[in-house]
Amino acid sequence: MKKIASAVIAVLTLGAILSAPAFAFDPLRATTIFTNLAADPKLKNPSVILFDASTGEQLFESNGYAMRKPASTLKLLAGVSVAQYLDPAMRFQTSLALSDKTNAVVIQGEMDPWATFNAYNAKRLGQTSLKYLAYRAHVELESRAGAPVKKMTIYYNGIYDSEAKNMKIYLKSKKVQVILKPVTALEAQNLTVEPVMNSASPTVDQMTHYFMQWSDNVLSDRLSRFAAKAAGFKGNTEGIAEVYEKVLADLEIESSKLVVRDGSGLSHDNRVSAKLLGDLLVKIYKDPRFAGVIESLPDGGINGTLNERFIKTAPNAVGLVHAKTGTLNGTVTLAGYIESGDREYVFVVLADRLSRTYSAAKIARDTLDRYLGRIAVPFEPITESETVVSSITP
């Protein structure tokens, strides 16, 4: 009986070993590493917080409740707000048509957040650039006139004034004088006689992925304004602040001290705590509504604004850090998730008291990456390659 019992214990022990996950980094050691990170003089007394992503347990904080400059980590709030209030499959339309007026065209849009004069950026997500729209407008007028057109009028509605001015500048470089005339949607419709082309934006989901990956300030701010309007607020800076606060309230995250001056993190007057961003990352971790936001986070050493990080400073962390970066003069921030065996941690680091130099920012980023590299561990479950039979003699 003892022999059988021993054999059963051996088999159960072996089974436990074979089915156990790979090395899981001890939370106490992770806490120690973050204690050292927070005290590192190269980070100049940052605001830091660390959570267990699965349980939501707060493991460490230093200045975690202090209100600091978030830089582009504020885009986490933009991404969550857009996911909450906008249809991820929605696209914005912009059309070009000939007018019943002489040498005139009508451009009517839906305030496409992705509308860009940069042909390269437009091509990246398969959209028509406003430069091409202006070019096509002039070509169509010359085709209709059967002669060179040196003066034209653009009636427009539903596109940004700045983009309309860019079209005027472009056509001026082609020796074409342009008169810009903003009109109402109804006026644009009445002026239209012959459609020429239509351009659709990427989906909201694609645009969110882009501004999170590449930290596009304009796109983040514009989509935040749309989210604000969809939530019943004004599509301005105050509306952005209100929609961010509403999203946080819905997730039961305290935000009374949050200061929002834009929808991108570009303003030096924005203020947020590491605790708030950490709570947000914990709340959305397993919430399917925000899966797209998490998937859009840059991956260390692989893509987005983290594509060149960790490769030299902490190569073992490549592909294991998924986080939103942030940079302003004197500020380096990072907030997201880090894989460590069968665990995943939520971390936020806001270092906004650095010297306003490139070298100080680079040193801070490299320092931060090295600390994260001490926690990053890939998940590699052990698999049984063959049956092991143990004979135990009493």
Protein backbone atom coordinates (compact mmCIF):
# COMPACT_ATOMS: atom_id res chain seq x y z
CA MET A 1 0.00 0.00 0.00
CA LYS A 2 2.81 2.37 0.81
CA LYS A 3 4.42 1.59 -2.55
CA ILE A 4 1.20 2.37 -4.42
CA ALA A 5 0.66 5.56 -2.42
CA SER A 6 4.19 6.68 -3.13
CA ALA A 7 3.74 6.01 -6.83
CA VAL A 8 0.50 8.01 -6.90
CA ILE A 9 2.17 10.94 -5.13
CA ALA A 10 5.04 10.79 -7.62
CA VAL A 11 2.65 10.82 -10.59
CA LEU A 12 0.60 13.69 -9.14
CA THR A 13 3.74 15.68 -8.41
CA LEU A 14 5.06 15.05 -11.92
CA GLY A 15 1.69 16.08 -13.39
CA ALA A 16 1.72 19.29 -11.40
CA ILE A 17 5.22 20.09 -12.61
CA LEU A 18 4.43 19.33 -16.24
CA SER A 19 1.24 21.39 -16.24
CA ALA A 20 2.67 24.32 -14.30
CA PRO A 21 3.21 27.61 -16.11
CA ALA A 22 6.64 29.00 -16.81
CA PHE A 23 8.48 30.97 -14.19
CA ALA A 24 6.24 33.66 -12.73
CA PHE A 25 8.06 36.70 -11.45
CA ASP A 26 7.53 37.03 -7.72
CA PRO A 27 5.41 40.15 -7.04
CA LEU A 28 7.65 40.94 -4.08
CA ARG A 29 10.66 41.10 -6.38
CA ALA A 30 8.68 43.20 -8.85
CA THR A 31 7.86 45.55 -5.99
CA THR A 32 11.53 45.76 -5.07
CA ILE A 33 12.46 46.60 -8.64
CA PHE A 34 9.84 49.35 -8.78
CA THR A 35 11.04 50.68 -5.44
CA ASN A 36 14.49 51.07 -6.95
CA LEU A 37 13.00 52.57 -10.13
CA ALA A 38 11.12 55.21 -8.17
CA ALA A 39 14.27 56.13 -6.25
CA ASP A 40 16.57 56.28 -9.27
CA PRO A 41 17.96 59.85 -9.53
CA LYS A 42 17.92 59.69 -13.35
CA LEU A 43 14.10 59.71 -13.21
CA LYS A 44 13.94 62.71 -10.87
CA ASN A 45 11.31 61.57 -8.35
CA PRO A 46 8.67 60.24 -10.76
CA SER A 47 5.07 59.31 -10.09
CA VAL A 48 4.96 55.49 -10.15
CA ILE A 49 2.41 52.75 -9.59
CA LEU A 50 2.32 48.97 -10.08
CA PHE A 51 -0.67 46.58 -10.09
CA ASP A 52 -1.29 42.91 -10.64
CA ALA A 53 -3.37 43.11 -13.82
CA SER A 54 -5.49 40.03 -13.10
CA THR A 55 -6.40 40.74 -9.49
CA GLY A 56 -6.22 44.53 -9.56
CA GLU A 57 -4.12 44.44 -6.40
CA GLN A 58 -1.95 47.52 -5.98
CA LEU A 59 1.57 46.29 -5.34
CA PHE A 60 3.53 49.54 -5.18
CA GLU A 61 3.18 53.29 -5.48
CA SER A 62 5.44 56.28 -5.08
CA ASN A 63 3.92 59.72 -5.62
CA GLY A 64 1.12 57.72 -7.20
CA TYR A 65 -1.56 60.23 -6.24
CA ALA A 66 0.44 63.31 -7.29
CA MET A 67 -0.92 65.20 -10.28
CA ARG A 68 1.71 65.14 -13.00
CA LYS A 69 2.04 65.89 -16.72
CA PRO A 70 0.86 62.81 -18.62
CA ALA A 71 2.16 63.82 -22.05
CA SER A 72 0.75 61.34 -24.58
CA THR A 73 -0.27 58.75 -22.00
CA LEU A 74 -3.39 60.96 -21.86
CA LYS A 75 -4.29 59.26 -25.15
CA LEU A 76 -5.32 56.25 -23.06
CA LEU A 77 -8.33 58.33 -22.02
CA ALA A 78 -8.90 59.32 -25.64
CA GLY A 79 -8.82 55.69 -26.79
CA VAL A 80 -11.21 54.53 -24.07
CA SER A 81 -13.63 57.41 -24.70
CA VAL A 82 -13.68 56.77 -28.45
CA ALA A 83 -14.27 53.05 -27.85
CA GLN A 84 -17.12 53.85 -25.45
CA TYR A 85 -19.02 56.34 -27.61
CA LEU A 86 -18.18 55.85 -31.29
CA ASP A 87 -19.00 52.96 -33.61
CA PRO A 88 -15.65 51.25 -34.40
CA ALA A 89 -16.83 50.57 -37.97
CA MET A 90 -17.89 54.17 -38.65
CA ARG A 91 -16.27 56.04 -41.56
CA PHE A 92 -16.38 59.73 -42.45
CA GLN A 93 -17.20 60.76 -46.02
CA THR A 94 -15.82 63.64 -48.08
CA SER A 95 -17.14 64.37 -51.60
CA LEU A 96 -16.01 66.51 -54.52
CA ALA A 97 -18.50 67.84 -57.06
CA LEU A 98 -18.70 70.41 -59.84
CA SER A 99 -20.80 73.47 -59.10
CA ASP A 100 -23.32 75.28 -61.27
CA LYS A 101 -21.11 78.35 -60.84
CA THR A 102 -18.35 79.07 -63.36
CA ASN A 103 -14.99 77.47 -62.50
CA ALA A 104 -16.24 76.35 -59.11
CA VAL A 105 -16.30 73.09 -57.17
CA VAL A 106 -18.04 71.94 -54.00
CA ILE A 107 -16.30 69.93 -51.30
CA GLN A 108 -18.64 68.55 -48.68
CA GLY A 109 -17.51 66.42 -45.78
CA GLU A 110 -18.30 65.12 -42.32
CA MET A 111 -15.32 66.70 -40.54
CA ASP A 112 -13.22 63.61 -41.24
CA PRO A 113 -10.68 63.38 -38.37
CA TRP A 114 -8.21 61.66 -40.70
CA ALA A 115 -8.52 64.32 -43.43
CA THR A 116 -4.93 65.16 -44.21
CA PHE A 117 -2.97 67.08 -46.77
CA ASN A 118 -0.09 64.66 -46.36
CA ALA A 119 -0.32 62.13 -49.21
CA TYR A 120 1.99 59.66 -47.43
CA ASN A 121 -0.14 59.60 -44.27
CA ALA A 122 -3.33 59.26 -46.30
CA LYS A 123 -1.90 56.33 -48.23
CA ARG A 124 -0.95 54.49 -45.05
CA LEU A 125 -4.62 53.90 -44.32
CA GLY A 126 -5.86 53.85 -47.90
CA GLN A 127 -7.47 57.28 -48.04
CA THR A 128 -7.49 60.08 -50.60
CA SER A 129 -5.40 63.04 -49.47
CA LEU A 130 -6.77 66.56 -49.61
CA LYS A 131 -3.88 67.41 -51.92
CA TYR A 132 -5.23 64.93 -54.46
CA LEU A 133 -8.74 66.30 -53.92
CA ALA A 134 -7.50 69.80 -54.79
CA TYR A 135 -5.58 68.48 -57.79
CA ARG A 136 -8.60 66.56 -59.04
CA ALA A 137 -10.85 69.61 -58.60
CA HIS A 138 -8.60 71.69 -60.86
CA VAL A 139 -8.29 68.93 -63.47
CA GLU A 140 -12.07 68.53 -63.66
CA LEU A 141 -12.60 72.27 -64.11
CA GLU A 142 -10.08 72.42 -66.94
CA SER A 143 -11.70 69.40 -68.55
CA ARG A 144 -15.11 71.05 -68.40
CA ALA A 145 -13.78 74.40 -69.66
CA GLY A 146 -11.65 72.86 -72.38
CA ALA A 147 -8.98 75.41 -71.53
CA PRO A 148 -6.53 76.28 -68.74
CA VAL A 149 -8.19 77.50 -65.54
CA LYS A 150 -6.13 80.05 -63.60
CA LYS A 151 -8.82 81.16 -61.17
CA MET A 152 -11.32 78.95 -59.34
CA THR A 153 -13.69 78.94 -56.38
CA ILE A 154 -13.98 76.19 -53.75
CA TYR A 155 -17.23 76.10 -51.82
CA TYR A 156 -16.76 73.88 -48.79
CA ASN A 157 -18.63 72.48 -45.84
CA GLY A 158 -17.66 69.84 -43.31
CA ILE A 159 -13.88 70.10 -43.69
CA TYR A 160 -11.48 71.89 -41.39
CA ASP A 161 -10.65 75.50 -42.30
CA SER A 162 -6.95 74.73 -41.96
CA GLU A 163 -7.22 71.97 -44.55
CA ALA A 164 -9.14 74.23 -46.93
CA LYS A 165 -6.35 76.80 -46.62
CA ASN A 166 -3.78 74.09 -47.36
CA MET A 167 -5.61 73.28 -50.60
CA LYS A 168 -5.49 76.95 -51.53
CA ILE A 169 -1.75 77.09 -50.84
CA TYR A 170 -1.16 73.97 -52.92
CA LEU A 171 -3.10 75.29 -55.93
CA LYS A 172 -1.35 78.64 -55.63
CA SER A 173 1.94 76.77 -56.07
CA LYS A 174 0.46 75.54 -59.37
CA LYS A 175 -0.21 79.16 -60.42
CA VAL A 176 -3.94 78.85 -59.73
CA GLN A 177 -5.73 81.57 -57.78
CA VAL A 178 -8.32 80.14 -55.37
CA ILE A 179 -11.23 81.78 -53.61
CA LEU A 180 -12.43 79.82 -50.57
CA LYS A 181 -16.08 80.14 -49.58
CA PRO A 182 -17.41 78.26 -46.54
CA VAL A 183 -21.10 77.36 -46.92
CA THR A 184 -23.80 75.47 -45.04
CA ALA A 185 -24.63 71.85 -45.81
CA LEU A 186 -27.82 72.93 -47.56
CA GLU A 187 -26.00 75.53 -49.63
CA ALA A 188 -23.39 72.95 -50.62
CA GLN A 189 -26.13 70.59 -51.73
CA ASN A 190 -27.84 73.29 -53.80
CA LEU A 191 -24.56 74.28 -55.46
CA THR A 192 -23.76 70.71 -56.53
CA VAL A 193 -24.57 69.69 -60.12
CA GLU A 194 -22.18 66.87 -60.97
CA PRO A 195 -20.48 64.50 -58.49
CA VAL A 196 -16.82 63.84 -59.23
CA MET A 197 -15.51 61.58 -56.48
CA ASN A 198 -16.01 60.45 -52.90
CA SER A 199 -13.40 59.67 -50.27
CA ALA A 200 -14.07 57.58 -47.16
CA SER A 201 -11.94 57.73 -44.06
CA PRO A 202 -10.50 54.63 -42.39
CA THR A 203 -12.78 53.16 -39.72
CA VAL A 204 -12.83 54.64 -36.24
CA ASP A 205 -11.15 51.45 -35.03
CA GLN A 206 -8.32 51.86 -37.56
CA MET A 207 -7.87 55.51 -36.67
CA THR A 208 -7.76 54.70 -32.95
CA HIS A 209 -5.14 52.06 -33.61
CA TYR A 210 -3.10 54.59 -35.57
CA PHE A 211 -3.14 57.41 -33.01
CA MET A 212 -2.35 54.99 -30.19
CA GLN A 213 0.47 53.32 -32.11
CA TRP A 214 2.06 56.50 -33.48
CA SER A 215 0.81 59.06 -30.95
CA ASP A 216 -0.88 61.24 -33.57
CA ASN A 217 -1.94 64.37 -31.66
CA VAL A 218 -4.34 65.80 -34.23
CA LEU A 219 -6.19 62.53 -34.76
CA SER A 220 -6.49 61.85 -31.03
CA ASP A 221 -7.83 65.31 -30.34
CA ARG A 222 -10.34 65.27 -33.21
CA LEU A 223 -11.72 61.84 -32.31
CA SER A 224 -11.99 62.92 -28.68
CA ARG A 225 -14.17 65.81 -29.81
CA PHE A 226 -16.43 63.41 -31.70
CA ALA A 227 -16.64 61.19 -28.61
CA ALA A 228 -17.58 64.23 -26.53
CA LYS A 229 -20.40 65.15 -28.91
CA ALA A 230 -21.64 61.55 -29.01
CA ALA A 231 -21.78 61.61 -25.21
CA GLY A 232 -23.90 64.77 -25.25
CA PHE A 233 -21.19 67.35 -24.62
CA LYS A 234 -19.77 70.12 -26.79
CA GLY A 235 -17.11 69.20 -29.32
CA ASN A 236 -14.49 71.44 -27.74
CA THR A 237 -11.80 71.22 -25.07
CA GLU A 238 -14.34 71.47 -22.26
CA GLY A 239 -16.35 68.69 -23.87
CA ILE A 240 -13.26 66.50 -24.08
CA ALA A 241 -12.64 66.97 -20.35
CA GLU A 242 -16.28 66.14 -19.62
CA VAL A 243 -16.33 62.95 -21.69
CA TYR A 244 -13.09 61.77 -20.09
CA GLU A 245 -14.56 62.40 -16.64
CA LYS A 246 -17.77 60.58 -17.57
CA VAL A 247 -15.90 57.53 -18.83
CA LEU A 248 -13.89 57.43 -15.62
CA ALA A 249 -17.02 57.83 -13.50
CA ASP A 250 -18.71 54.99 -15.39
CA LEU A 251 -15.69 52.83 -14.58
CA GLU A 252 -15.86 53.99 -10.94
CA ILE A 253 -12.50 55.75 -11.08
CA GLU A 254 -12.06 58.91 -9.01
CA SER A 255 -11.06 61.87 -11.21
CA SER A 256 -11.83 65.04 -9.25
CA LYS A 257 -8.30 66.43 -9.71
CA LEU A 258 -7.95 65.54 -13.39
CA VAL A 259 -7.00 68.53 -15.56
CA VAL A 260 -7.58 68.18 -19.31
CA ARG A 261 -6.56 70.91 -21.75
CA ASP A 262 -6.65 68.89 -24.96
CA GLY A 263 -7.34 65.44 -26.34
CA SER A 264 -3.75 64.50 -27.05
CA GLY A 265 -1.53 65.24 -24.04
CA LEU A 266 0.35 67.95 -25.92
CA SER A 267 -0.45 70.69 -23.41
CA HIS A 268 1.93 71.19 -20.50
CA ASP A 269 -1.12 72.12 -18.41
CA ASN A 270 -2.69 68.65 -18.46
CA ARG A 271 -2.53 66.89 -15.10
CA VAL A 272 -3.23 63.27 -14.17
CA SER A 273 -2.05 60.85 -11.50
CA ALA A 274 -0.35 57.52 -11.98
CA LYS A 275 -3.10 56.07 -9.78
CA LEU A 276 -5.83 57.22 -12.19
CA LEU A 277 -4.10 55.81 -15.27
CA GLY A 278 -3.27 52.60 -13.40
CA ASP A 279 -6.87 52.17 -12.31
CA LEU A 280 -7.97 52.74 -15.90
CA LEU A 281 -5.59 50.09 -17.25
CA VAL A 282 -6.78 47.61 -14.62
CA LYS A 283 -10.46 48.29 -15.36
CA ILE A 284 -10.17 47.81 -19.12
CA TYR A 285 -7.83 44.79 -18.88
CA LYS A 286 -10.54 42.15 -19.35
CA ASP A 287 -13.39 44.36 -20.57
CA PRO A 288 -14.26 43.33 -24.16
CA ARG A 289 -15.48 46.85 -24.94
CA PHE A 290 -11.90 48.08 -24.77
CA ALA A 291 -10.05 45.14 -26.30
CA GLY A 292 -9.23 47.26 -29.36
CA VAL A 293 -7.59 49.91 -27.20
CA ILE A 294 -5.31 47.37 -25.54
CA GLU A 295 -4.48 45.76 -28.88
CA SER A 296 -3.51 49.17 -30.26
CA LEU A 297 -0.81 49.77 -27.63
CA PRO A 298 2.72 49.78 -29.07
CA ASP A 299 4.72 46.60 -28.43
CA GLY A 300 8.22 47.09 -27.09
CA GLY A 301 10.91 46.70 -29.74
CA ILE A 302 8.35 45.79 -32.41
CA ASN A 303 6.01 48.56 -33.51
CA GLY A 304 4.66 52.06 -32.99
CA THR A 305 6.47 54.53 -30.77
CA LEU A 306 8.15 51.62 -28.94
CA ASN A 307 9.59 50.10 -32.10
CA GLU A 308 13.19 51.05 -31.29
CA ARG A 309 13.06 50.66 -27.53
CA PHE A 310 14.27 47.69 -25.43
CA ILE A 311 16.25 46.25 -28.35
CA LYS A 312 19.57 47.40 -26.87
CA THR A 313 18.60 48.32 -23.31
CA ALA A 314 16.58 45.22 -22.37
CA PRO A 315 16.35 42.75 -25.28
CA ASN A 316 14.60 40.16 -23.12
CA ALA A 317 11.65 42.57 -22.83
CA VAL A 318 11.09 42.87 -26.59
CA GLY A 319 7.47 41.95 -27.32
CA LEU A 320 6.58 41.75 -23.63
CA VAL A 321 5.87 45.42 -22.91
CA HIS A 322 2.63 46.86 -24.32
CA ALA A 323 2.35 50.51 -23.40
CA LYS A 324 1.54 54.07 -24.39
CA THR A 325 4.49 56.39 -24.53
CA GLY A 326 4.60 60.09 -23.73
CA THR A 327 7.19 62.80 -24.33
CA LEU A 328 7.29 66.55 -23.68
CA ASN A 329 10.19 68.84 -22.90
CA GLY A 330 11.27 67.71 -19.45
CA THR A 331 8.81 64.82 -19.40
CA VAL A 332 9.01 61.09 -20.20
CA THR A 333 6.04 58.85 -19.45
CA LEU A 334 5.03 55.25 -20.05
CA ALA A 335 1.86 53.40 -19.05
CA GLY A 336 0.65 49.93 -19.94
CA TYR A 337 1.22 46.23 -19.36
CA ILE A 338 4.26 44.01 -18.95
CA GLU A 339 4.25 40.22 -19.24
CA SER A 340 6.07 38.23 -16.58
CA GLY A 341 5.61 34.48 -16.92
CA ASP A 342 2.00 33.63 -16.14
CA ARG A 343 1.45 37.09 -14.69
CA GLU A 344 0.86 40.45 -16.25
CA TYR A 345 1.48 43.71 -14.46
CA VAL A 346 -0.02 47.16 -14.98
CA PHE A 347 2.50 49.94 -14.56
CA VAL A 348 2.55 53.72 -14.89
CA VAL A 349 5.62 55.94 -14.73
CA LEU A 350 5.30 59.72 -15.05
CA ALA A 351 8.70 61.42 -14.95
CA ASP A 352 7.93 65.10 -15.51
CA ARG A 353 10.74 66.78 -13.62
CA LEU A 354 13.59 66.05 -15.99
CA SER A 355 15.98 68.58 -17.45
CA ARG A 356 14.63 69.93 -20.73
CA THR A 357 17.30 68.28 -22.84
CA TYR A 358 17.35 65.41 -25.32
CA SER A 359 20.04 63.60 -23.33
CA ALA A 360 18.02 63.75 -20.09
CA ALA A 361 14.98 62.31 -21.84
CA LYS A 362 17.01 59.54 -23.48
CA ILE A 363 18.69 58.61 -20.22
CA ALA A 364 15.30 58.49 -18.48
CA ARG A 365 13.79 56.27 -21.21
CA ASP A 366 16.76 53.90 -21.21
CA THR A 367 16.72 53.73 -17.42
CA LEU A 368 13.02 52.95 -17.34
CA ASP A 369 13.38 50.28 -20.01
CA ARG A 370 16.18 48.54 -18.12
CA TYR A 371 14.07 48.31 -14.97
CA LEU A 372 11.15 46.88 -16.94
CA GLY A 373 13.56 44.41 -18.50
CA ARG A 374 14.20 42.97 -15.03
CA ILE A 375 10.54 42.02 -14.75
CA ALA A 376 9.76 40.89 -18.29
CA VAL A 377 9.60 37.10 -18.65
CA PRO A 378 7.98 35.22 -21.57
CA PHE A 379 5.25 32.70 -20.86
CA GLU A 380 6.48 29.26 -21.89
CA PRO A 381 4.34 26.44 -20.49
CA ILE A 382 6.16 23.16 -19.92
CA THR A 383 4.85 20.33 -22.08
CA GLU A 384 5.32 16.64 -21.51
CA SER A 385 7.35 15.12 -24.35
CA GLU A 386 7.26 11.56 -23.05
CA THR A 387 5.68 9.50 -20.28
CA VAL A 388 7.88 9.06 -17.28
CA VAL A 389 7.42 5.92 -15.22
CA SER A 390 8.83 5.92 -11.76
CA SER A 391 9.38 2.73 -9.80
CA ILE A 392 9.58 3.21 -6.08
CA THR A 393 10.91 0.47 -3.86
CA PRO A 394 9.62 0.34 -0.30
